[in-house]
Amino acid sequence: MLTIYVDPKKQDQVVRLSDQDRGYLAVTKTTEGPVRYTFTFTGHAHPSFWHDGALSDGLEETVQSIDGTQKYQILFR
């Protein structure tokens, strides 16, 4: 499982992963009401994903991609 380190006080931000890769977190409001957090990673090592609703410290996400399953844990820093 990879850890994504997020600053909960920032909106859009560069994030660091536990394997030293980096990504980008974009925060947008949806028309349905909840906030959407979109995690995008450069290269093909990690699949990008989004999460609707609030982020919480320790939240785990499982992402299915063409390359298989990737598990992430989000930790606030």
N, C-alpha and C. Protein backbone atom coordinates (compact mmCIF):
# COMPACT_ATOMS: atom_id res chain seq x y z
N MET A 1 0.85 -1.17 0.00
CA MET A 1 0.00 0.00 0.00
C MET A 1 0.90 1.24 0.00
N LEU A 2 0.58 2.16 -0.88
CA LEU A 2 1.30 3.43 -0.95
C LEU A 2 0.60 4.47 -0.10
N THR A 3 1.37 5.32 0.53
CA THR A 3 0.83 6.41 1.32
C THR A 3 0.94 7.70 0.52
N ILE A 4 -0.14 8.49 0.52
CA ILE A 4 -0.14 9.82 -0.10
C ILE A 4 -0.20 10.82 1.04
N TYR A 5 0.78 11.72 1.09
CA TYR A 5 0.84 12.72 2.14
C TYR A 5 0.16 14.00 1.66
N VAL A 6 -0.87 14.43 2.38
CA VAL A 6 -1.72 15.56 2.00
C VAL A 6 -1.71 16.60 3.11
N ASP A 7 -1.62 17.87 2.73
CA ASP A 7 -1.77 18.96 3.69
C ASP A 7 -3.25 19.32 3.72
N PRO A 8 -3.96 19.03 4.82
CA PRO A 8 -5.41 19.26 4.85
C PRO A 8 -5.80 20.74 4.83
N LYS A 9 -4.83 21.63 5.03
CA LYS A 9 -5.13 23.07 5.04
C LYS A 9 -5.05 23.69 3.66
N LYS A 10 -4.55 22.95 2.67
CA LYS A 10 -4.41 23.47 1.31
C LYS A 10 -5.47 22.87 0.41
N GLN A 11 -5.78 23.59 -0.65
CA GLN A 11 -6.67 23.05 -1.66
C GLN A 11 -5.82 22.32 -2.70
N ASP A 12 -5.60 22.93 -3.86
CA ASP A 12 -4.77 22.30 -4.89
C ASP A 12 -3.32 22.27 -4.41
N GLN A 13 -2.65 21.13 -4.60
CA GLN A 13 -1.30 20.99 -4.07
C GLN A 13 -0.54 19.85 -4.71
N VAL A 14 0.77 19.94 -4.64
CA VAL A 14 1.64 18.83 -5.02
C VAL A 14 1.69 17.89 -3.82
N VAL A 15 1.53 16.59 -4.07
CA VAL A 15 1.56 15.61 -2.99
C VAL A 15 2.75 14.67 -3.19
N ARG A 16 3.22 14.13 -2.09
CA ARG A 16 4.33 13.18 -2.13
C ARG A 16 3.80 11.81 -1.73
N LEU A 17 4.33 10.77 -2.38
CA LEU A 17 3.97 9.41 -2.05
C LEU A 17 5.09 8.77 -1.24
N SER A 18 4.78 7.69 -0.56
CA SER A 18 5.75 7.03 0.30
C SER A 18 6.91 6.42 -0.48
N ASP A 19 6.74 6.21 -1.79
CA ASP A 19 7.86 5.69 -2.61
C ASP A 19 8.65 6.83 -3.26
N GLN A 20 8.45 8.05 -2.77
CA GLN A 20 9.14 9.27 -3.20
C GLN A 20 8.64 9.83 -4.52
N ASP A 21 7.66 9.21 -5.17
CA ASP A 21 7.03 9.80 -6.35
C ASP A 21 6.21 11.01 -5.90
N ARG A 22 5.82 11.81 -6.86
CA ARG A 22 4.99 12.98 -6.59
C ARG A 22 3.75 12.93 -7.48
N GLY A 23 2.76 13.67 -7.05
CA GLY A 23 1.53 13.78 -7.81
C GLY A 23 0.92 15.12 -7.54
N TYR A 24 -0.31 15.30 -8.03
CA TYR A 24 -1.00 16.57 -7.86
C TYR A 24 -2.41 16.29 -7.37
N LEU A 25 -2.85 17.07 -6.41
CA LEU A 25 -4.21 16.99 -5.89
C LEU A 25 -4.96 18.24 -6.32
N ALA A 26 -6.05 18.04 -7.06
CA ALA A 26 -6.92 19.15 -7.46
C ALA A 26 -8.25 18.99 -6.73
N VAL A 27 -8.73 20.09 -6.16
CA VAL A 27 -9.98 20.08 -5.40
C VAL A 27 -11.02 20.88 -6.17
N THR A 28 -12.16 20.25 -6.46
CA THR A 28 -13.24 20.94 -7.19
C THR A 28 -14.57 20.64 -6.53
N LYS A 29 -15.48 21.59 -6.64
CA LYS A 29 -16.85 21.36 -6.18
C LYS A 29 -17.65 20.80 -7.35
N THR A 30 -18.50 19.84 -7.05
CA THR A 30 -19.34 19.25 -8.09
C THR A 30 -20.73 19.86 -8.03
N THR A 31 -21.47 19.70 -9.09
CA THR A 31 -22.84 20.24 -9.13
C THR A 31 -23.76 19.49 -8.16
N GLU A 32 -23.39 18.26 -7.80
CA GLU A 32 -24.21 17.48 -6.87
C GLU A 32 -24.00 17.91 -5.42
N GLY A 33 -22.97 18.70 -5.15
CA GLY A 33 -22.76 19.18 -3.81
C GLY A 33 -21.43 18.82 -3.18
N PRO A 34 -21.03 17.54 -3.17
CA PRO A 34 -19.78 17.21 -2.47
C PRO A 34 -18.55 17.72 -3.22
N VAL A 35 -17.47 17.79 -2.50
CA VAL A 35 -16.20 18.19 -3.09
C VAL A 35 -15.57 16.96 -3.72
N ARG A 36 -14.92 17.14 -4.87
CA ARG A 36 -14.20 16.04 -5.52
C ARG A 36 -12.70 16.31 -5.41
N TYR A 37 -11.98 15.32 -4.91
CA TYR A 37 -10.52 15.37 -4.81
C TYR A 37 -9.96 14.47 -5.90
N THR A 38 -9.23 15.06 -6.83
CA THR A 38 -8.66 14.30 -7.94
C THR A 38 -7.16 14.20 -7.75
N PHE A 39 -6.66 12.97 -7.65
CA PHE A 39 -5.24 12.69 -7.51
C PHE A 39 -4.70 12.26 -8.85
N THR A 40 -3.72 12.99 -9.37
CA THR A 40 -3.11 12.70 -10.66
C THR A 40 -1.63 12.44 -10.45
N PHE A 41 -1.13 11.39 -11.07
CA PHE A 41 0.28 11.02 -10.93
C PHE A 41 0.93 11.00 -12.30
N THR A 42 2.16 11.52 -12.36
CA THR A 42 2.88 11.55 -13.63
C THR A 42 3.43 10.16 -13.93
N GLY A 43 3.68 9.92 -15.20
CA GLY A 43 4.18 8.61 -15.59
C GLY A 43 3.08 7.57 -15.50
N HIS A 44 3.48 6.31 -15.54
CA HIS A 44 2.50 5.23 -15.52
C HIS A 44 2.67 4.32 -14.31
N ALA A 45 3.44 4.75 -13.32
CA ALA A 45 3.70 3.90 -12.16
C ALA A 45 2.47 3.76 -11.26
N HIS A 46 1.65 4.81 -11.18
CA HIS A 46 0.50 4.80 -10.28
C HIS A 46 -0.74 5.32 -11.00
N PRO A 47 -1.86 4.61 -10.88
CA PRO A 47 -3.08 5.10 -11.53
C PRO A 47 -3.67 6.30 -10.79
N SER A 48 -4.17 7.25 -11.54
CA SER A 48 -4.85 8.40 -10.97
C SER A 48 -6.25 7.99 -10.53
N PHE A 49 -6.84 8.78 -9.62
CA PHE A 49 -8.19 8.47 -9.14
C PHE A 49 -8.80 9.72 -8.53
N TRP A 50 -10.10 9.65 -8.21
CA TRP A 50 -10.76 10.74 -7.51
C TRP A 50 -11.55 10.18 -6.34
N HIS A 51 -11.83 11.07 -5.40
CA HIS A 51 -12.62 10.72 -4.22
C HIS A 51 -13.65 11.83 -4.02
N ASP A 52 -14.92 11.46 -3.94
CA ASP A 52 -15.98 12.43 -3.68
C ASP A 52 -16.29 12.47 -2.19
N GLY A 53 -16.43 13.66 -1.65
CA GLY A 53 -16.71 13.82 -0.23
C GLY A 53 -15.43 14.16 0.52
N ALA A 54 -15.54 14.30 1.82
CA ALA A 54 -14.42 14.73 2.65
C ALA A 54 -13.30 13.69 2.70
N LEU A 55 -12.07 14.19 2.73
CA LEU A 55 -10.92 13.33 2.98
C LEU A 55 -10.73 13.22 4.48
N SER A 56 -10.28 12.07 4.92
CA SER A 56 -9.98 11.90 6.34
C SER A 56 -8.60 11.27 6.49
N ASP A 57 -7.97 11.56 7.60
CA ASP A 57 -6.65 11.02 7.87
C ASP A 57 -6.76 9.50 8.00
N GLY A 58 -5.98 8.79 7.22
CA GLY A 58 -6.00 7.33 7.24
C GLY A 58 -6.93 6.70 6.23
N LEU A 59 -7.64 7.52 5.44
CA LEU A 59 -8.55 7.01 4.42
C LEU A 59 -7.81 6.08 3.46
N GLU A 60 -8.41 4.94 3.13
CA GLU A 60 -7.82 4.01 2.18
C GLU A 60 -8.67 3.95 0.93
N GLU A 61 -8.00 3.91 -0.22
CA GLU A 61 -8.65 3.81 -1.53
C GLU A 61 -8.03 2.65 -2.30
N THR A 62 -8.86 1.86 -2.95
CA THR A 62 -8.39 0.80 -3.83
C THR A 62 -8.77 1.20 -5.25
N VAL A 63 -7.78 1.23 -6.14
CA VAL A 63 -7.98 1.68 -7.51
C VAL A 63 -7.69 0.52 -8.46
N GLN A 64 -8.66 0.23 -9.32
CA GLN A 64 -8.48 -0.79 -10.35
C GLN A 64 -8.03 -0.12 -11.64
N SER A 65 -6.99 -0.64 -12.26
CA SER A 65 -6.53 -0.08 -13.53
C SER A 65 -6.14 -1.23 -14.46
N ILE A 66 -5.77 -0.89 -15.65
CA ILE A 66 -5.35 -1.89 -16.62
C ILE A 66 -4.10 -2.64 -16.15
N ASP A 67 -3.32 -1.99 -15.27
CA ASP A 67 -2.11 -2.60 -14.74
C ASP A 67 -2.34 -3.40 -13.46
N GLY A 68 -3.58 -3.47 -12.99
CA GLY A 68 -3.88 -4.21 -11.78
C GLY A 68 -4.45 -3.32 -10.69
N THR A 69 -4.38 -3.80 -9.47
CA THR A 69 -4.95 -3.10 -8.33
C THR A 69 -3.86 -2.33 -7.60
N GLN A 70 -4.18 -1.10 -7.23
CA GLN A 70 -3.26 -0.26 -6.43
C GLN A 70 -4.02 0.21 -5.20
N LYS A 71 -3.41 0.04 -4.04
CA LYS A 71 -4.03 0.51 -2.79
C LYS A 71 -3.27 1.73 -2.30
N TYR A 72 -4.04 2.75 -1.89
CA TYR A 72 -3.48 4.00 -1.36
C TYR A 72 -4.02 4.24 0.04
N GLN A 73 -3.22 4.88 0.86
CA GLN A 73 -3.68 5.41 2.14
C GLN A 73 -3.33 6.88 2.17
N ILE A 74 -4.29 7.71 2.58
CA ILE A 74 -4.07 9.15 2.64
C ILE A 74 -3.77 9.52 4.09
N LEU A 75 -2.62 10.17 4.29
CA LEU A 75 -2.25 10.65 5.62
C LEU A 75 -2.05 12.16 5.58
N PHE A 76 -2.60 12.83 6.57
CA PHE A 76 -2.40 14.27 6.69
C PHE A 76 -1.03 14.53 7.28
N ARG A 77 -0.39 15.58 6.80
CA ARG A 77 0.92 15.95 7.33
C ARG A 77 0.91 17.36 7.84
